[in-house]
Amino acid sequence: MQQRLVLLAEGLDQPGHRATALRGLGSGAAGFAPALQQRLVVLAEGLDGSWHRATALKGLGAAAAGLTPALQQRLILLAEGLDHPMHRATALGGLGKGVAGLAPALQRRLVVLAEGLAQPEYRARALAALLP
């Protein structure tokens, strides 16, 4: 069943549709087989557009604590690559759900990302998401 869901997400043509599928599948990704988790992260990395990647991270971030350290690192890198403050805040909102299960170094990187948001609204939203 999990493999079929990943195949369905991979088969979607539009980046927005793939991002929405990743957002929906993401929260349960921690329960997927490691190879399927990797395919979901690869799918997120391949999305065009900052908003699509942020949308995918909103879902995948919730499962970050259940992913391998290498995949966690890749999700953080994906968030660090988002240029638009609103997109970065959205991604941090998703990643914040799994922050307690991340290594301290990755947690610090997320805090640095949140602190780097110049707009108070986005910074506050991102920092609140990172609180336990």
Protein backbone atom coordinates (compact mmCIF):
# COMPACT_ATOMS: atom_id res chain seq x y z
CA MET A 1 0.00 0.00 0.00
CA GLN A 2 2.79 2.45 0.93
CA GLN A 3 4.65 1.74 -2.30
CA ARG A 4 1.50 2.31 -4.30
CA LEU A 5 0.93 5.67 -2.60
CA VAL A 6 4.48 6.76 -3.37
CA LEU A 7 4.07 5.64 -6.99
CA LEU A 8 0.87 7.65 -7.26
CA ALA A 9 2.62 10.76 -5.92
CA GLU A 10 5.56 10.25 -8.29
CA GLY A 11 3.16 9.91 -11.21
CA LEU A 12 1.49 13.27 -10.73
CA ASP A 13 2.39 15.68 -13.53
CA GLN A 14 1.89 19.06 -11.89
CA PRO A 15 4.36 20.26 -9.23
CA GLY A 16 1.48 21.65 -7.17
CA HIS A 17 -0.25 18.29 -7.17
CA ARG A 18 2.95 16.50 -6.14
CA ALA A 19 3.52 19.05 -3.36
CA THR A 20 -0.02 18.56 -2.09
CA ALA A 21 0.42 14.78 -2.17
CA LEU A 22 3.67 15.09 -0.21
CA ARG A 23 1.98 17.33 2.31
CA GLY A 24 -0.68 14.67 2.83
CA LEU A 25 1.67 11.69 2.83
CA GLY A 26 4.37 13.44 4.80
CA SER A 27 2.88 13.15 8.25
CA GLY A 28 2.84 9.36 7.90
CA ALA A 29 6.23 9.07 6.21
CA ALA A 30 7.94 8.01 9.43
CA GLY A 31 6.07 4.72 9.18
CA PHE A 32 7.16 4.08 5.60
CA ALA A 33 10.03 1.79 4.66
CA PRO A 34 13.35 3.70 4.45
CA ALA A 35 13.55 3.30 0.66
CA LEU A 36 10.08 4.84 0.30
CA GLN A 37 11.00 7.67 2.67
CA GLN A 38 13.98 8.43 0.46
CA ARG A 39 11.77 8.49 -2.63
CA LEU A 40 9.47 11.00 -0.95
CA VAL A 41 12.41 13.25 -0.07
CA VAL A 42 13.76 12.97 -3.63
CA LEU A 43 10.33 13.94 -4.91
CA ALA A 44 10.30 17.01 -2.65
CA GLU A 45 13.82 17.98 -3.74
CA GLY A 46 12.76 17.80 -7.38
CA LEU A 47 9.83 20.16 -7.05
CA ASP A 48 9.98 23.38 -9.04
CA GLY A 49 9.26 26.52 -7.14
CA SER A 50 9.88 27.59 -3.60
CA TRP A 51 6.21 27.41 -2.60
CA HIS A 52 5.89 23.80 -3.78
CA ARG A 53 8.95 22.76 -1.78
CA ALA A 54 7.62 24.61 1.29
CA THR A 55 4.27 22.84 0.93
CA ALA A 56 6.00 19.47 0.74
CA LEU A 57 8.10 20.32 3.81
CA LYS A 58 4.96 21.26 5.70
CA GLY A 59 3.96 17.59 5.52
CA LEU A 60 7.31 15.83 5.49
CA GLY A 61 8.57 17.96 8.36
CA ALA A 62 5.97 16.45 10.66
CA ALA A 63 7.62 13.05 10.14
CA ALA A 64 11.21 14.30 10.23
CA ALA A 65 11.97 12.73 13.61
CA GLY A 66 11.14 9.30 12.21
CA LEU A 67 13.40 9.62 9.18
CA THR A 68 17.04 8.60 8.96
CA PRO A 69 19.57 11.29 9.96
CA ALA A 70 20.65 11.61 6.31
CA LEU A 71 17.08 12.31 5.19
CA GLN A 72 16.58 14.75 8.08
CA GLN A 73 19.68 16.61 6.90
CA ARG A 74 18.30 16.77 3.36
CA LEU A 75 15.00 18.22 4.58
CA ILE A 76 16.87 20.92 6.52
CA LEU A 77 18.95 21.72 3.43
CA LEU A 78 15.76 22.00 1.42
CA ALA A 79 14.35 24.48 3.95
CA GLU A 80 17.61 26.45 3.97
CA GLY A 81 17.32 26.80 0.20
CA LEU A 82 13.96 28.57 0.36
CA ASP A 83 14.42 32.26 -0.40
CA HIS A 84 10.97 33.69 0.22
CA PRO A 85 10.34 34.45 3.92
CA MET A 86 6.73 33.21 3.83
CA HIS A 87 7.83 29.94 2.22
CA ARG A 88 10.59 29.48 4.79
CA ALA A 89 8.13 30.15 7.65
CA THR A 90 5.70 27.61 6.17
CA ALA A 91 8.43 24.98 5.92
CA LEU A 92 9.57 25.69 9.48
CA GLY A 93 5.98 25.29 10.62
CA GLY A 94 6.02 21.74 9.30
CA LEU A 95 9.52 20.92 10.48
CA GLY A 96 8.70 22.26 13.92
CA LYS A 97 6.31 19.35 14.49
CA GLY A 98 9.22 16.91 14.43
CA VAL A 99 11.95 19.13 15.87
CA ALA A 100 12.17 17.36 19.25
CA GLY A 101 13.34 14.18 17.55
CA LEU A 102 16.11 15.85 15.56
CA ALA A 103 19.77 15.97 16.53
CA PRO A 104 20.72 19.14 18.45
CA ALA A 105 22.81 20.42 15.52
CA LEU A 106 19.79 20.19 13.20
CA GLN A 107 17.58 21.86 15.80
CA ARG A 108 20.05 24.75 15.98
CA ARG A 109 20.00 25.12 12.20
CA LEU A 110 16.21 25.41 12.29
CA VAL A 111 16.39 28.07 15.01
CA VAL A 112 18.96 30.02 12.96
CA LEU A 113 16.61 29.85 9.96
CA ALA A 114 13.71 31.16 12.06
CA GLU A 115 15.81 33.93 13.61
CA GLY A 116 16.93 34.98 10.14
CA LEU A 117 13.41 35.90 9.09
CA ALA A 118 13.27 39.70 9.02
CA GLN A 119 9.49 40.07 9.18
CA PRO A 120 8.30 39.80 12.79
CA GLU A 121 5.13 37.92 11.80
CA TYR A 122 7.05 35.18 9.98
CA ARG A 123 9.76 35.00 12.65
CA ALA A 124 7.19 34.67 15.44
CA ARG A 125 5.25 32.02 13.53
CA ALA A 126 8.40 30.01 12.81
CA LEU A 127 9.77 30.27 16.35
CA ALA A 128 6.40 29.27 17.83
CA ALA A 129 6.38 26.18 15.61
CA LEU A 130 9.79 25.17 16.96
CA LEU A 131 8.67 25.24 20.59
CA PRO A 132 7.92 21.86 22.21
